[in-house]
Structures are given as structure tokens and as C-alpha cells.
Amino acid sequence: MKIMFTLLVIGILAGTIDIIPMLKMKIDRYSTISAFAFHLIAPFILFAVTIPVPVWSKGGIIYILLAIPTIILVAKSDKKSVPIMIASSLVIGTVVGLVQSALL
């Protein structure tokens, strides 16, 4: 139960960090909710997946892989957001992966 709570807290923090700029830019609420939900769920998947890569890179890799469908969908209407989404997924995913490896 402690692990589930920790993953939930990590997801809430990561989601909040990601949506703060979105709220300031007044981005569509569905996009904002989608981004928050992504970061809320991703730590659970990251924790469950085992891949033979260095600890520091696991989070970034998993987050990028999970974000690919959303990135493709967004690219159709807003090509400027794609590099931002990739960078955000890579950075936040790497940080979440490092936090998870340190705490769990």
C-alpha cells in the first residue's frame, strides 16, 4: 500500500509540474486534464516495467514510449507542440524514474 501511495504522490507532483505552464497559457482544459492523467498513471507503468537500461534512462524511455500516441495526435494540428511534448516527457520521465529508484 505504501508503494501505491508513493506512486500516486509522484504522479500528482509530476502532473502538477507539467500542467502549470499549460494553465498559464490557458490551453484547452481537455488537453490539460489529459496531460495530468498521463503523469498520474505513468509512474505505475514505469514501476511495473523492467527493461535492461541504466536507472537514470528508464523513466525517460518509458515516458517517451507512452507519449507517442498523444504526440502523433497533437502533431496533426499543432506541430510546434511536438518538440515541447518530447522534451517534457523525456525530462519529467527521467526525474520520475530517478525519484522512484531512490524511494522504492
Protein backbone atom coordinates (compact mmCIF):
# COMPACT_ATOMS: atom_id res chain seq x y z
CA MET A 1 0.00 0.00 0.00
CA LYS A 2 2.91 2.32 0.74
CA ILE A 3 4.22 1.81 -2.80
CA MET A 4 0.83 2.67 -4.33
CA PHE A 5 0.58 5.85 -2.26
CA THR A 6 4.14 6.84 -3.17
CA LEU A 7 3.47 6.30 -6.88
CA LEU A 8 0.28 8.34 -6.61
CA VAL A 9 2.12 11.23 -4.95
CA ILE A 10 4.87 11.09 -7.57
CA GLY A 11 2.23 11.16 -10.32
CA ILE A 12 0.38 14.10 -8.77
CA LEU A 13 3.61 16.07 -8.43
CA ALA A 14 4.76 15.28 -11.98
CA GLY A 15 1.33 16.12 -13.38
CA THR A 16 1.20 19.40 -11.50
CA ILE A 17 4.65 20.38 -12.75
CA ASP A 18 3.61 19.64 -16.31
CA ILE A 19 0.28 21.47 -16.27
CA ILE A 20 1.39 24.69 -14.55
CA PRO A 21 2.68 26.19 -17.83
CA MET A 22 -0.43 24.89 -19.61
CA LEU A 23 -2.67 26.70 -17.14
CA LYS A 24 -0.71 29.93 -17.54
CA MET A 25 -1.06 29.71 -21.33
CA LYS A 26 -4.79 28.93 -20.97
CA ILE A 27 -4.54 25.75 -23.02
CA ASP A 28 -7.74 23.77 -23.59
CA ARG A 29 -8.90 22.09 -20.37
CA TYR A 30 -9.18 18.68 -22.03
CA SER A 31 -5.53 18.85 -23.07
CA THR A 32 -4.58 19.90 -19.56
CA ILE A 33 -6.59 17.11 -17.94
CA SER A 34 -5.12 14.62 -20.41
CA ALA A 35 -1.56 15.70 -19.55
CA PHE A 36 -2.27 15.44 -15.83
CA ALA A 37 -3.84 11.98 -16.24
CA PHE A 38 -0.83 10.84 -18.26
CA HIS A 39 1.56 11.84 -15.48
CA LEU A 40 -0.72 10.40 -12.82
CA ILE A 41 -0.77 6.96 -14.47
CA ALA A 42 2.74 6.76 -15.93
CA PRO A 43 4.62 6.16 -12.62
CA PHE A 44 2.60 2.98 -12.07
CA ILE A 45 3.56 1.68 -15.52
CA LEU A 46 7.17 2.78 -15.01
CA PHE A 47 7.31 0.87 -11.71
CA ALA A 48 5.88 -2.29 -13.31
CA VAL A 49 8.18 -2.36 -16.36
CA THR A 50 11.62 -3.91 -16.29
CA ILE A 51 13.99 -3.03 -19.11
CA PRO A 52 17.76 -3.56 -19.27
CA VAL A 53 18.85 0.09 -19.32
CA PRO A 54 20.60 2.32 -16.78
CA VAL A 55 18.34 3.51 -13.96
CA TRP A 56 18.58 7.16 -14.99
CA SER A 57 17.30 6.47 -18.52
CA LYS A 58 14.42 4.08 -17.80
CA GLY A 59 11.91 6.81 -16.89
CA GLY A 60 12.64 8.93 -19.93
CA ILE A 61 12.38 5.96 -22.28
CA ILE A 62 9.08 4.72 -20.83
CA TYR A 63 7.55 8.20 -20.77
CA ILE A 64 8.50 8.85 -24.40
CA LEU A 65 7.07 5.48 -25.46
CA LEU A 66 3.83 6.15 -23.59
CA ALA A 67 3.55 9.65 -25.06
CA ILE A 68 3.98 8.61 -28.72
CA PRO A 69 0.23 8.19 -29.45
CA THR A 70 -0.58 11.60 -27.96
CA ILE A 71 2.34 13.23 -29.75
CA ILE A 72 1.12 11.82 -33.08
CA LEU A 73 -2.39 13.10 -32.41
CA VAL A 74 -1.16 16.58 -31.46
CA ALA A 75 1.21 16.76 -34.45
CA LYS A 76 -1.79 16.74 -36.77
CA SER A 77 -2.99 20.13 -35.57
CA ASP A 78 -0.05 21.76 -33.74
CA LYS A 79 3.44 20.87 -34.95
CA LYS A 80 5.06 23.46 -32.62
CA SER A 81 4.00 21.47 -29.56
CA VAL A 82 5.69 18.23 -30.59
CA PRO A 83 9.26 19.12 -29.51
CA ILE A 84 7.90 20.55 -26.26
CA MET A 85 5.97 17.36 -25.54
CA ILE A 86 9.01 15.20 -26.33
CA ALA A 87 11.28 17.28 -24.11
CA SER A 88 8.72 17.38 -21.31
CA SER A 89 8.20 13.61 -21.42
CA LEU A 90 11.93 12.98 -21.50
CA VAL A 91 12.82 15.33 -18.64
CA ILE A 92 9.87 14.59 -16.36
CA GLY A 93 10.13 10.85 -17.09
CA THR A 94 13.83 10.80 -16.23
CA VAL A 95 13.22 12.70 -12.99
CA VAL A 96 10.31 10.42 -12.04
CA GLY A 97 12.45 7.37 -12.80
CA LEU A 98 15.27 8.67 -10.61
CA VAL A 99 12.88 9.55 -7.78
CA GLN A 100 11.30 6.11 -7.98
CA SER A 101 14.65 4.34 -7.91
CA ALA A 102 15.70 6.40 -4.89
CA LEU A 103 12.47 5.93 -2.93
CA LEU A 104 11.37 2.41 -3.80
